[in-house]
Structures are given as C-alpha cells and as structure tokens.
Amino acid sequence: MTPYFNKYVGTDVLPYQTMARVSDKTMTIRPMKAELDPTFRPVVITGGFAGHCTNNHDQFWTIYPDPKAPMIRIRLHKDGWWRDRAGNRYQAADEPVRFYDYNF
C-alpha cells in the first residue's frame, strides 16, 4: 500500500496520508499539515504577470499527520490518476510533498 498521495491543484501540490485500502481501485486518505520553513523568503524579480520568483523550488516544508482532518475516498481512473468525487487529481507517492507556486 502506498503510504502517501499528493493532490495536484494547478501547479500547487498538497500532501495526503493513506489511511486504508478499500479495494484495488479505492483508497481512504486524509490531508496532512504542512508548515513552510520560516527562513524561506521568495526572491521576486520583474517579469511574468507581476513578478517571477527565482527561488521557487528552494522551499522546504515540515509535513506531519493531522489526526483531526476529515478522511476522503479516492478512486483510480483509467487515465492513471486517482480522483475524489469533485474530480481533484491525486498521485500515489513514497513521500508527502507540499509545493506552493509563487509564480501564480
């Protein structure tokens, strides 16, 4: 069983923890908490919509379980993505990932 799932929302990524395997195509997952390293400061230069963050991929997040978060079910689709009822996309992962795209 895959220990984590990462939710893709545009270019942002949110971490989820696998709670139970319901079947080969259905999993129960729960969102995880993530805190950005307080020493990270985005470096923005002129360009793009209003600016371009040059150190976007230098972010470091501390990720940990959130036992109070609600659980959701996701199902595996033919295109290879796991999706919830709202159609949000998830991908199985060995490590949780949190990424915020400062360029949007």
PDB file of N, CA and C in Angstrom:
ATOM      1  N   MET A   1       0.841  -1.177   0.000  1.00  0.00           N
ATOM      2  CA  MET A   1       0.000   0.000   0.000  1.00  0.00           C
ATOM      3  C   MET A   1       0.889   1.244   0.000  1.00  0.00           C
ATOM      4  N   THR A   2       0.559   2.187  -0.832  1.00  0.00           N
ATOM      5  CA  THR A   2       1.294   3.444  -0.926  1.00  0.00           C
ATOM      6  C   THR A   2       1.039   4.274   0.333  1.00  0.00           C
ATOM      7  N   PRO A   3       2.093   4.763   1.006  1.00  0.00           N
ATOM      8  CA  PRO A   3       1.880   5.484   2.255  1.00  0.00           C
ATOM      9  C   PRO A   3       1.306   6.898   2.096  1.00  0.00           C
ATOM     10  N   TYR A   4       1.497   7.506   0.923  1.00  0.00           N
ATOM     11  CA  TYR A   4       1.058   8.885   0.734  1.00  0.00           C
ATOM     12  C   TYR A   4       0.429   9.090  -0.639  1.00  0.00           C
ATOM     13  N   PHE A   5      -0.336  10.173  -0.745  1.00  0.00           N
ATOM     14  CA  PHE A   5      -0.853  10.662  -2.013  1.00  0.00           C
ATOM     15  C   PHE A   5      -0.615  12.161  -2.029  1.00  0.00           C
ATOM     16  N   ASN A   6      -0.338  12.715  -3.192  1.00  0.00           N
ATOM     17  CA  ASN A   6      -0.171  14.150  -3.337  1.00  0.00           C
ATOM     18  C   ASN A   6      -1.257  14.663  -4.274  1.00  0.00           C
ATOM     19  N   LYS A   7      -1.951  15.706  -3.818  1.00  0.00           N
ATOM     20  CA  LYS A   7      -3.044  16.306  -4.583  1.00  0.00           C
ATOM     21  C   LYS A   7      -2.480  17.437  -5.437  1.00  0.00           C
ATOM     22  N   TYR A   8      -2.824  17.430  -6.716  1.00  0.00           N
ATOM     23  CA  TYR A   8      -2.346  18.448  -7.651  1.00  0.00           C
ATOM     24  C   TYR A   8      -3.464  19.435  -7.954  1.00  0.00           C
ATOM     25  N   VAL A   9      -3.239  20.691  -7.568  1.00  0.00           N
ATOM     26  CA  VAL A   9      -4.200  21.762  -7.789  1.00  0.00           C
ATOM     27  C   VAL A   9      -3.480  22.817  -8.627  1.00  0.00           C
ATOM     28  N   GLY A  10      -3.668  22.763  -9.927  1.00  0.00           N
ATOM     29  CA  GLY A  10      -2.898  23.633 -10.815  1.00  0.00           C
ATOM     30  C   GLY A  10      -1.434  23.258 -10.703  1.00  0.00           C
ATOM     31  N   THR A  11      -0.592  24.208 -10.288  1.00  0.00           N
ATOM     32  CA  THR A  11       0.833  23.928 -10.114  1.00  0.00           C
ATOM     33  C   THR A  11       1.196  23.710  -8.644  1.00  0.00           C
ATOM     34  N   ASP A  12       0.224  23.826  -7.750  1.00  0.00           N
ATOM     35  CA  ASP A  12       0.465  23.583  -6.327  1.00  0.00           C
ATOM     36  C   ASP A  12       0.282  22.101  -6.010  1.00  0.00           C
ATOM     37  N   VAL A  13       0.945  21.642  -4.938  1.00  0.00           N
ATOM     38  CA  VAL A  13       0.854  20.241  -4.516  1.00  0.00           C
ATOM     39  C   VAL A  13       0.561  20.214  -3.017  1.00  0.00           C
ATOM     40  N   LEU A  14      -0.393  19.352  -2.612  1.00  0.00           N
ATOM     41  CA  LEU A  14      -0.784  19.216  -1.211  1.00  0.00           C
ATOM     42  C   LEU A  14      -0.615  17.760  -0.771  1.00  0.00           C
ATOM     43  N   PRO A  15      -0.077  17.519   0.445  1.00  0.00           N
ATOM     44  CA  PRO A  15       0.175  16.154   0.907  1.00  0.00           C
ATOM     45  C   PRO A  15      -1.028  15.502   1.593  1.00  0.00           C
ATOM     46  N   TYR A  16      -1.181  14.196   1.352  1.00  0.00           N
ATOM     47  CA  TYR A  16      -2.230  13.390   1.987  1.00  0.00           C
ATOM     48  C   TYR A  16      -1.612  12.086   2.474  1.00  0.00           C
ATOM     49  N   GLN A  17      -2.165  11.564   3.550  1.00  0.00           N
ATOM     50  CA  GLN A  17      -1.705  10.316   4.153  1.00  0.00           C
ATOM     51  C   GLN A  17      -2.710   9.216   3.836  1.00  0.00           C
ATOM     52  N   THR A  18      -2.217   8.047   3.448  1.00  0.00           N
ATOM     53  CA  THR A  18      -3.098   6.918   3.181  1.00  0.00           C
ATOM     54  C   THR A  18      -3.574   6.334   4.503  1.00  0.00           C
ATOM     55  N   MET A  19      -4.869   6.173   4.637  1.00  0.00           N
ATOM     56  CA  MET A  19      -5.436   5.640   5.872  1.00  0.00           C
ATOM     57  C   MET A  19      -5.878   4.177   5.714  1.00  0.00           C
ATOM     58  N   ALA A  20      -6.481   3.837   4.574  1.00  0.00           N
ATOM     59  CA  ALA A  20      -6.953   2.462   4.374  1.00  0.00           C
ATOM     60  C   ALA A  20      -7.097   2.160   2.895  1.00  0.00           C
ATOM     61  N   ARG A  21      -6.847   0.905   2.567  1.00  0.00           N
ATOM     62  CA  ARG A  21      -7.088   0.424   1.210  1.00  0.00           C
ATOM     63  C   ARG A  21      -8.453  -0.254   1.226  1.00  0.00           C
ATOM     64  N   VAL A  22      -9.391   0.297   0.489  1.00  0.00           N
ATOM     65  CA  VAL A  22     -10.737  -0.252   0.446  1.00  0.00           C
ATOM     66  C   VAL A  22     -10.803  -1.376  -0.586  1.00  0.00           C
ATOM     67  N   SER A  23     -10.169  -1.153  -1.737  1.00  0.00           N
ATOM     68  CA  SER A  23     -10.089  -2.156  -2.800  1.00  0.00           C
ATOM     69  C   SER A  23      -8.888  -1.805  -3.675  1.00  0.00           C
ATOM     70  N   ASP A  24      -8.692  -2.541  -4.766  1.00  0.00           N
ATOM     71  CA  ASP A  24      -7.582  -2.235  -5.672  1.00  0.00           C
ATOM     72  C   ASP A  24      -7.700  -0.850  -6.296  1.00  0.00           C
ATOM     73  N   LYS A  25      -8.924  -0.338  -6.397  1.00  0.00           N
ATOM     74  CA  LYS A  25      -9.151   0.940  -7.058  1.00  0.00           C
ATOM     75  C   LYS A  25      -9.712   2.019  -6.142  1.00  0.00           C
ATOM     76  N   THR A  26      -9.788   1.754  -4.849  1.00  0.00           N
ATOM     77  CA  THR A  26     -10.346   2.734  -3.912  1.00  0.00           C
ATOM     78  C   THR A  26      -9.476   2.827  -2.661  1.00  0.00           C
ATOM     79  N   MET A  27      -9.159   4.070  -2.252  1.00  0.00           N
ATOM     80  CA  MET A  27      -8.362   4.322  -1.058  1.00  0.00           C
ATOM     81  C   MET A  27      -9.059   5.378  -0.199  1.00  0.00           C
ATOM     82  N   THR A  28      -8.804   5.305   1.097  1.00  0.00           N
ATOM     83  CA  THR A  28      -9.242   6.353   2.016  1.00  0.00           C
ATOM     84  C   THR A  28      -7.986   7.114   2.427  1.00  0.00           C
ATOM     85  N   ILE A  29      -8.033   8.453   2.276  1.00  0.00           N
ATOM     86  CA  ILE A  29      -6.871   9.286   2.584  1.00  0.00           C
ATOM     87  C   ILE A  29      -7.292  10.450   3.477  1.00  0.00           C
ATOM     88  N   ARG A  30      -6.281  11.115   4.074  1.00  0.00           N
ATOM     89  CA  ARG A  30      -6.539  12.259   4.949  1.00  0.00           C
ATOM     90  C   ARG A  30      -5.472  13.323   4.684  1.00  0.00           C
ATOM     91  N   PRO A  31      -5.872  14.608   4.623  1.00  0.00           N
ATOM     92  CA  PRO A  31      -4.880  15.671   4.401  1.00  0.00           C
ATOM     93  C   PRO A  31      -3.890  15.761   5.558  1.00  0.00           C
ATOM     94  N   MET A  32      -2.686  16.204   5.239  1.00  0.00           N
ATOM     95  CA  MET A  32      -1.639  16.383   6.246  1.00  0.00           C
ATOM     96  C   MET A  32      -1.389  17.881   6.434  1.00  0.00           C
ATOM     97  N   LYS A  33      -0.833  18.238   7.574  1.00  0.00           N
ATOM     98  CA  LYS A  33      -0.465  19.626   7.828  1.00  0.00           C
ATOM     99  C   LYS A  33       0.931  19.875   7.269  1.00  0.00           C
ATOM    100  N   ALA A  34       1.156  21.098   6.810  1.00  0.00           N
ATOM    101  CA  ALA A  34       2.468  21.463   6.269  1.00  0.00           C
ATOM    102  C   ALA A  34       2.797  22.893   6.693  1.00  0.00           C
ATOM    103  N   GLU A  35       4.006  23.077   7.200  1.00  0.00           N
ATOM    104  CA  GLU A  35       4.460  24.400   7.616  1.00  0.00           C
ATOM    105  C   GLU A  35       5.715  24.765   6.827  1.00  0.00           C
ATOM    106  N   LEU A  36       5.675  25.934   6.215  1.00  0.00           N
ATOM    107  CA  LEU A  36       6.811  26.427   5.440  1.00  0.00           C
ATOM    108  C   LEU A  36       7.934  26.842   6.376  1.00  0.00           C
ATOM    109  N   ASP A  37       9.150  26.490   6.020  1.00  0.00           N
ATOM    110  CA  ASP A  37      10.328  26.884   6.793  1.00  0.00           C
ATOM    111  C   ASP A  37      10.324  28.410   6.922  1.00  0.00           C
ATOM    112  N   PRO A  38      10.344  28.937   8.157  1.00  0.00           N
ATOM    113  CA  PRO A  38      10.255  30.393   8.331  1.00  0.00           C
ATOM    114  C   PRO A  38      11.445  31.166   7.760  1.00  0.00           C
ATOM    115  N   THR A  39      12.533  30.494   7.451  1.00  0.00           N
ATOM    116  CA  THR A  39      13.687  31.194   6.879  1.00  0.00           C
ATOM    117  C   THR A  39      13.557  31.384   5.365  1.00  0.00           C
ATOM    118  N   PHE A  40      12.585  30.725   4.739  1.00  0.00           N
ATOM    119  CA  PHE A  40      12.414  30.864   3.285  1.00  0.00           C
ATOM    120  C   PHE A  40      11.818  32.226   2.964  1.00  0.00           C
ATOM    121  N   ARG A  41      12.452  32.927   2.053  1.00  0.00           N
ATOM    122  CA  ARG A  41      11.967  34.211   1.560  1.00  0.00           C
ATOM    123  C   ARG A  41      11.982  34.161   0.040  1.00  0.00           C
ATOM    124  N   PRO A  42      10.815  34.300  -0.606  1.00  0.00           N
ATOM    125  CA  PRO A  42      10.801  34.281  -2.066  1.00  0.00           C
ATOM    126  C   PRO A  42      11.556  35.482  -2.644  1.00  0.00           C
ATOM    127  N   VAL A  43      12.372  35.214  -3.653  1.00  0.00           N
ATOM    128  CA  VAL A  43      13.107  36.271  -4.353  1.00  0.00           C
ATOM    129  C   VAL A  43      12.356  36.536  -5.655  1.00  0.00           C
ATOM    130  N   VAL A  44      11.735  37.705  -5.734  1.00  0.00           N
ATOM    131  CA  VAL A  44      10.887  38.033  -6.884  1.00  0.00           C
ATOM    132  C   VAL A  44      11.546  39.127  -7.714  1.00  0.00           C
ATOM    133  N   ILE A  45      11.640  38.863  -9.028  1.00  0.00           N
ATOM    134  CA  ILE A  45      12.181  39.861  -9.960  1.00  0.00           C
ATOM    135  C   ILE A  45      11.080  40.263 -10.939  1.00  0.00           C
ATOM    136  N   THR A  46      11.250  41.354 -11.620  1.00  0.00           N
ATOM    137  CA  THR A  46      10.267  41.831 -12.586  1.00  0.00           C
ATOM    138  C   THR A  46      10.139  40.841 -13.731  1.00  0.00           C
ATOM    139  N   GLY A  47       8.886  40.546 -14.108  1.00  0.00           N
ATOM    140  CA  GLY A  47       8.609  39.625 -15.207  1.00  0.00           C
ATOM    141  C   GLY A  47       7.361  38.816 -14.902  1.00  0.00           C
ATOM    142  N   GLY A  48       6.913  38.019 -15.867  1.00  0.00           N
ATOM    143  CA  GLY A  48       5.705  37.227 -15.669  1.00  0.00           C
ATOM    144  C   GLY A  48       4.486  38.119 -15.524  1.00  0.00           C
ATOM    145  N   PHE A  49       3.498  37.698 -14.702  1.00  0.00           N
ATOM    146  CA  PHE A  49       2.293  38.508 -14.501  1.00  0.00           C
ATOM    147  C   PHE A  49       2.632  39.792 -13.745  1.00  0.00           C
ATOM    148  N   ALA A  50       3.260  39.636 -12.597  1.00  0.00           N
ATOM    149  CA  ALA A  50       3.645  40.793 -11.804  1.00  0.00           C
ATOM    150  C   ALA A  50       5.091  40.664 -11.337  1.00  0.00           C
ATOM    151  N   GLY A  51       5.611  39.468 -11.403  1.00  0.00           N
ATOM    152  CA  GLY A  51       6.973  39.195 -10.980  1.00  0.00           C
ATOM    153  C   GLY A  51       7.257  37.714 -11.135  1.00  0.00           C
ATOM    154  N   HIS A  52       8.522  37.354 -11.056  1.00  0.00           N
ATOM    155  CA  HIS A  52       8.926  35.952 -11.191  1.00  0.00           C
ATOM    156  C   HIS A  52       9.760  35.571  -9.976  1.00  0.00           C
ATOM    157  N   CYS A  53       9.351  34.492  -9.292  1.00  0.00           N
ATOM    158  CA  CYS A  53      10.067  34.011  -8.110  1.00  0.00           C
ATOM    159  C   CYS A  53      11.219  33.120  -8.582  1.00  0.00           C
ATOM    160  N   THR A  54      12.447  33.564  -8.355  1.00  0.00           N
ATOM    161  CA  THR A  54      13.615  32.836  -8.860  1.00  0.00           C
ATOM    162  C   THR A  54      14.018  31.655  -7.987  1.00  0.00           C
ATOM    163  N   ASN A  55      13.593  31.636  -6.732  1.00  0.00           N
ATOM    164  CA  ASN A  55      13.950  30.522  -5.845  1.00  0.00           C
ATOM    165  C   ASN A  55      12.721  29.685  -5.456  1.00  0.00           C
ATOM    166  N   ASN A  56      11.777  29.596  -6.352  1.00  0.00           N
ATOM    167  CA  ASN A  56      10.515  28.885  -6.125  1.00  0.00           C
ATOM    168  C   ASN A  56      10.728  27.449  -5.649  1.00  0.00           C
ATOM    169  N   HIS A  57      11.726  26.768  -6.169  1.00  0.00           N
ATOM    170  CA  HIS A  57      11.940  25.353  -5.845  1.00  0.00           C
ATOM    171  C   HIS A  57      12.883  25.147  -4.662  1.00  0.00           C
ATOM    172  N   ASP A  58      13.218  26.215  -3.948  1.00  0.00           N
ATOM    173  CA  ASP A  58      14.062  26.103  -2.759  1.00  0.00           C
ATOM    174  C   ASP A  58      13.240  26.027  -1.471  1.00  0.00           C
ATOM    175  N   GLN A  59      11.917  25.976  -1.596  1.00  0.00           N
ATOM    176  CA  GLN A  59      11.060  25.917  -0.418  1.00  0.00           C
ATOM    177  C   GLN A  59      11.285  24.604   0.337  1.00  0.00           C
ATOM    178  N   PHE A  60      11.203  24.682   1.653  1.00  0.00           N
ATOM    179  CA  PHE A  60      11.262  23.475   2.472  1.00  0.00           C
ATOM    180  C   PHE A  60      10.069  23.500   3.419  1.00  0.00           C
ATOM    181  N   TRP A  61       9.314  22.408   3.437  1.00  0.00           N
ATOM    182  CA  TRP A  61       8.120  22.289   4.259  1.00  0.00           C
ATOM    183  C   TRP A  61       8.298  21.182   5.287  1.00  0.00           C
ATOM    184  N   THR A  62       7.810  21.419   6.491  1.00  0.00           N
ATOM    185  CA  THR A  62       7.723  20.375   7.501  1.00  0.00           C
ATOM    186  C   THR A  62       6.309  19.823   7.413  1.00  0.00           C
ATOM    187  N   ILE A  63       6.206  18.529   7.143  1.00  0.00           N
ATOM    188  CA  ILE A  63       4.906  17.895   6.916  1.00  0.00           C
ATOM    189  C   ILE A  63       4.666  16.858   8.010  1.00  0.00           C
ATOM    190  N   TYR A  64       3.464  16.886   8.571  1.00  0.00           N
ATOM    191  CA  TYR A  64       3.135  15.930   9.622  1.00  0.00           C
ATOM    192  C   TYR A  64       1.646  15.585   9.571  1.00  0.00           C
ATOM    193  N   PRO A  65       1.253  14.432  10.145  1.00  0.00           N
ATOM    194  CA  PRO A  65      -0.148  13.996  10.117  1.00  0.00           C
ATOM    195  C   PRO A  65      -1.075  14.963  10.854  1.00  0.00           C
ATOM    196  N   ASP A  66      -2.321  14.981  10.430  1.00  0.00           N
ATOM    197  CA  ASP A  66      -3.362  15.783  11.073  1.00  0.00           C
ATOM    198  C   ASP A  66      -4.503  14.850  11.464  1.00  0.00           C
ATOM    199  N   PRO A  67      -4.471  14.310  12.686  1.00  0.00           N
ATOM    200  CA  PRO A  67      -5.484  13.330  13.096  1.00  0.00           C
ATOM    201  C   PRO A  67      -6.915  13.859  13.124  1.00  0.00           C
ATOM    202  N   LYS A  68      -7.085  15.184  13.150  1.00  0.00           N
ATOM    203  CA  LYS A  68      -8.430  15.761  13.187  1.00  0.00           C
ATOM    204  C   LYS A  68      -9.005  16.035  11.797  1.00  0.00           C
ATOM    205  N   ALA A  69      -8.199  15.887  10.772  1.00  0.00           N
ATOM    206  CA  ALA A  69      -8.648  16.169   9.399  1.00  0.00           C
ATOM    207  C   ALA A  69      -9.646  15.100   8.940  1.00  0.00           C
ATOM    208  N   PRO A  70     -10.619  15.487   8.137  1.00  0.00           N
ATOM    209  CA  PRO A  70     -11.598  14.514   7.648  1.00  0.00           C
ATOM    210  C   PRO A  70     -10.987  13.584   6.601  1.00  0.00           C
ATOM    211  N   MET A  71     -11.442  12.356   6.584  1.00  0.00           N
ATOM    212  CA  MET A  71     -10.970  11.395   5.587  1.00  0.00           C
ATOM    213  C   MET A  71     -11.849  11.480   4.347  1.00  0.00           C
ATOM    214  N   ILE A  72     -11.230  11.209   3.193  1.00  0.00           N
ATOM    215  CA  ILE A  72     -11.971  11.189   1.929  1.00  0.00           C
ATOM    216  C   ILE A  72     -11.611   9.916   1.173  1.00  0.00           C
ATOM    217  N   ARG A  73     -12.457   9.545   0.229  1.00  0.00           N
ATOM    218  CA  ARG A  73     -12.180   8.385  -0.623  1.00  0.00           C
ATOM    219  C   ARG A  73     -11.775   8.855  -2.006  1.00  0.00           C
ATOM    220  N   ILE A  74     -10.794   8.163  -2.560  1.00  0.00           N
ATOM    221  CA  ILE A  74     -10.376   8.439  -3.935  1.00  0.00           C
ATOM    222  C   ILE A  74     -10.408   7.135  -4.716  1.00  0.00           C
ATOM    223  N   ARG A  75     -10.629   7.265  -6.018  1.00  0.00           N
ATOM    224  CA  ARG A  75     -10.701   6.085  -6.880  1.00  0.00           C
ATOM    225  C   ARG A  75      -9.724   6.220  -8.036  1.00  0.00           C
ATOM    226  N   LEU A  76      -9.143   5.092  -8.447  1.00  0.00           N
ATOM    227  CA  LEU A  76      -8.219   5.057  -9.572  1.00  0.00           C
ATOM    228  C   LEU A  76      -9.002   5.072 -10.880  1.00  0.00           C
ATOM    229  N   HIS A  77      -8.617   5.975 -11.789  1.00  0.00           N
ATOM    230  CA  HIS A  77      -9.282   6.092 -13.086  1.00  0.00           C
ATOM    231  C   HIS A  77      -8.405   5.521 -14.194  1.00  0.00           C
ATOM    232  N   LYS A  78      -8.997   5.311 -15.339  1.00  0.00           N
ATOM    233  CA  LYS A  78      -8.290   4.699 -16.467  1.00  0.00           C
ATOM    234  C   LYS A  78      -7.096   5.523 -16.941  1.00  0.00           C
ATOM    235  N   ASP A  79      -7.123   6.837 -16.718  1.00  0.00           N
ATOM    236  CA  ASP A  79      -6.009   7.688 -17.152  1.00  0.00           C
ATOM    237  C   ASP A  79      -4.813   7.625 -16.197  1.00  0.00           C
ATOM    238  N   GLY A  80      -4.923   6.831 -15.116  1.00  0.00           N
ATOM    239  CA  GLY A  80      -3.822   6.658 -14.176  1.00  0.00           C
ATOM    240  C   GLY A  80      -3.867   7.581 -12.972  1.00  0.00           C
ATOM    241  N   TRP A  81      -4.750   8.565 -12.976  1.00  0.00           N
ATOM    242  CA  TRP A  81      -4.897   9.481 -11.843  1.00  0.00           C
ATOM    243  C   TRP A  81      -5.906   8.928 -10.848  1.00  0.00           C
ATOM    244  N   TRP A  82      -5.664   9.175  -9.576  1.00  0.00           N
ATOM    245  CA  TRP A  82      -6.647   8.913  -8.537  1.00  0.00           C
ATOM    246  C   TRP A  82      -7.461  10.191  -8.414  1.00  0.00           C
ATOM    247  N   ARG A  83      -8.782  10.078  -8.246  1.00  0.00           N
ATOM    248  CA  ARG A  83      -9.643  11.258  -8.153  1.00  0.00           C
ATOM    249  C   ARG A  83     -10.665  11.101  -7.033  1.00  0.00           C
ATOM    250  N   ASP A  84     -11.035  12.251  -6.453  1.00  0.00           N
ATOM    251  CA  ASP A  84     -12.112  12.252  -5.468  1.00  0.00           C
ATOM    252  C   ASP A  84     -13.418  12.566  -6.193  1.00  0.00           C
ATOM    253  N   ARG A  85     -14.501  12.681  -5.442  1.00  0.00           N
ATOM    254  CA  ARG A  85     -15.822  12.939  -6.054  1.00  0.00           C
ATOM    255  C   ARG A  85     -15.877  14.260  -6.807  1.00  0.00           C
ATOM    256  N   ALA A  86     -15.075  15.231  -6.385  1.00  0.00           N
ATOM    257  CA  ALA A  86     -15.070  16.543  -7.032  1.00  0.00           C
ATOM    258  C   ALA A  86     -14.193  16.571  -8.282  1.00  0.00           C
ATOM    259  N   GLY A  87     -13.463  15.466  -8.536  1.00  0.00           N
ATOM    260  CA  GLY A  87     -12.608  15.396  -9.718  1.00  0.00           C
ATOM    261  C   GLY A  87     -11.182  15.852  -9.478  1.00  0.00           C
ATOM    262  N   ASN A  88     -10.827  16.176  -8.224  1.00  0.00           N
ATOM    263  CA  ASN A  88      -9.453  16.572  -7.918  1.00  0.00           C
ATOM    264  C   ASN A  88      -8.503  15.414  -8.171  1.00  0.00           C
ATOM    265  N   ARG A  89      -7.292  15.716  -8.677  1.00  0.00           N
ATOM    266  CA  ARG A  89      -6.321  14.683  -9.059  1.00  0.00           C
ATOM    267  C   ARG A  89      -5.314  14.411  -7.949  1.00  0.00           C
ATOM    268  N   TYR A  90      -5.027  13.128  -7.734  1.00  0.00           N
ATOM    269  CA  TYR A  90      -4.057  12.683  -6.737  1.00  0.00           C
ATOM    270  C   TYR A  90      -3.103  11.695  -7.394  1.00  0.00           C
ATOM    271  N   GLN A  91      -1.876  11.657  -6.880  1.00  0.00           N
ATOM    272  CA  GLN A  91      -0.886  10.714  -7.376  1.00  0.00           C
ATOM    273  C   GLN A  91      -0.251  10.007  -6.179  1.00  0.00           C
ATOM    274  N   ALA A  92      -0.132   8.688  -6.259  1.00  0.00           N
ATOM    275  CA  ALA A  92       0.499   7.903  -5.202  1.00  0.00           C
ATOM    276  C   ALA A  92       1.963   8.293  -5.084  1.00  0.00           C
ATOM    277  N   ALA A  93       2.494   8.282  -3.838  1.00  0.00           N
ATOM    278  CA  ALA A  93       3.879   8.695  -3.613  1.00  0.00           C
ATOM    279  C   ALA A  93       4.464   8.005  -2.385  1.00  0.00           C
ATOM    280  N   ASP A  94       5.794   7.866  -2.397  1.00  0.00           N
ATOM    281  CA  ASP A  94       6.500   7.316  -1.237  1.00  0.00           C
ATOM    282  C   ASP A  94       6.755   8.387  -0.179  1.00  0.00           C
ATOM    283  N   GLU A  95       6.732   9.656  -0.580  1.00  0.00           N
ATOM    284  CA  GLU A  95       6.972  10.779   0.331  1.00  0.00           C
ATOM    285  C   GLU A  95       5.883  11.831   0.117  1.00  0.00           C
ATOM    286  N   PRO A  96       5.435  12.481   1.193  1.00  0.00           N
ATOM    287  CA  PRO A  96       4.467  13.569   1.019  1.00  0.00           C
ATOM    288  C   PRO A  96       5.169  14.809   0.462  1.00  0.00           C
ATOM    289  N   VAL A  97       4.465  15.558  -0.366  1.00  0.00           N
ATOM    290  CA  VAL A  97       5.042  16.763  -0.977  1.00  0.00           C
ATOM    291  C   VAL A  97       4.091  17.937  -0.766  1.00  0.00           C
ATOM    292  N   ARG A  98       4.674  19.084  -0.412  1.00  0.00           N
ATOM    293  CA  ARG A  98       3.925  20.338  -0.359  1.00  0.00           C
ATOM    294  C   ARG A  98       4.714  21.327  -1.203  1.00  0.00           C
ATOM    295  N   PHE A  99       4.021  21.970  -2.143  1.00  0.00           N
ATOM    296  CA  PHE A  99       4.663  22.956  -3.003  1.00  0.00           C
ATOM    297  C   PHE A  99       3.661  24.080  -3.256  1.00  0.00           C
ATOM    298  N   TYR A 100       4.111  25.309  -3.076  1.00  0.00           N
ATOM    299  CA  TYR A 100       3.300  26.473  -3.393  1.00  0.00           C
ATOM    300  C   TYR A 100       4.007  27.221  -4.511  1.00  0.00           C
ATOM    301  N   ASP A 101       3.315  27.428  -5.615  1.00  0.00           N
ATOM    302  CA  ASP A 101       3.915  28.108  -6.758  1.00  0.00           C
ATOM    303  C   ASP A 101       3.736  29.622  -6.604  1.00  0.00           C
ATOM    304  N   TYR A 102       4.810  30.293  -6.282  1.00  0.00           N
ATOM    305  CA  TYR A 102       4.778  31.746  -6.096  1.00  0.00           C
ATOM    306  C   TYR A 102       4.658  32.500  -7.419  1.00  0.00           C
ATOM    307  N   ASN A 103       4.720  31.801  -8.538  1.00  0.00           N
ATOM    308  CA  ASN A 103       4.656  32.465  -9.832  1.00  0.00           C
ATOM    309  C   ASN A 103       3.228  32.622 -10.361  1.00  0.00           C
ATOM    310  N   PHE A 104       2.235  32.257  -9.558  1.00  0.00           N
ATOM    311  CA  PHE A 104       0.834  32.441  -9.979  1.00  0.00           C
ATOM    312  C   PHE A 104       0.055  33.130  -8.902  1.00  0.00           C
TER     313      PHE A 104
END
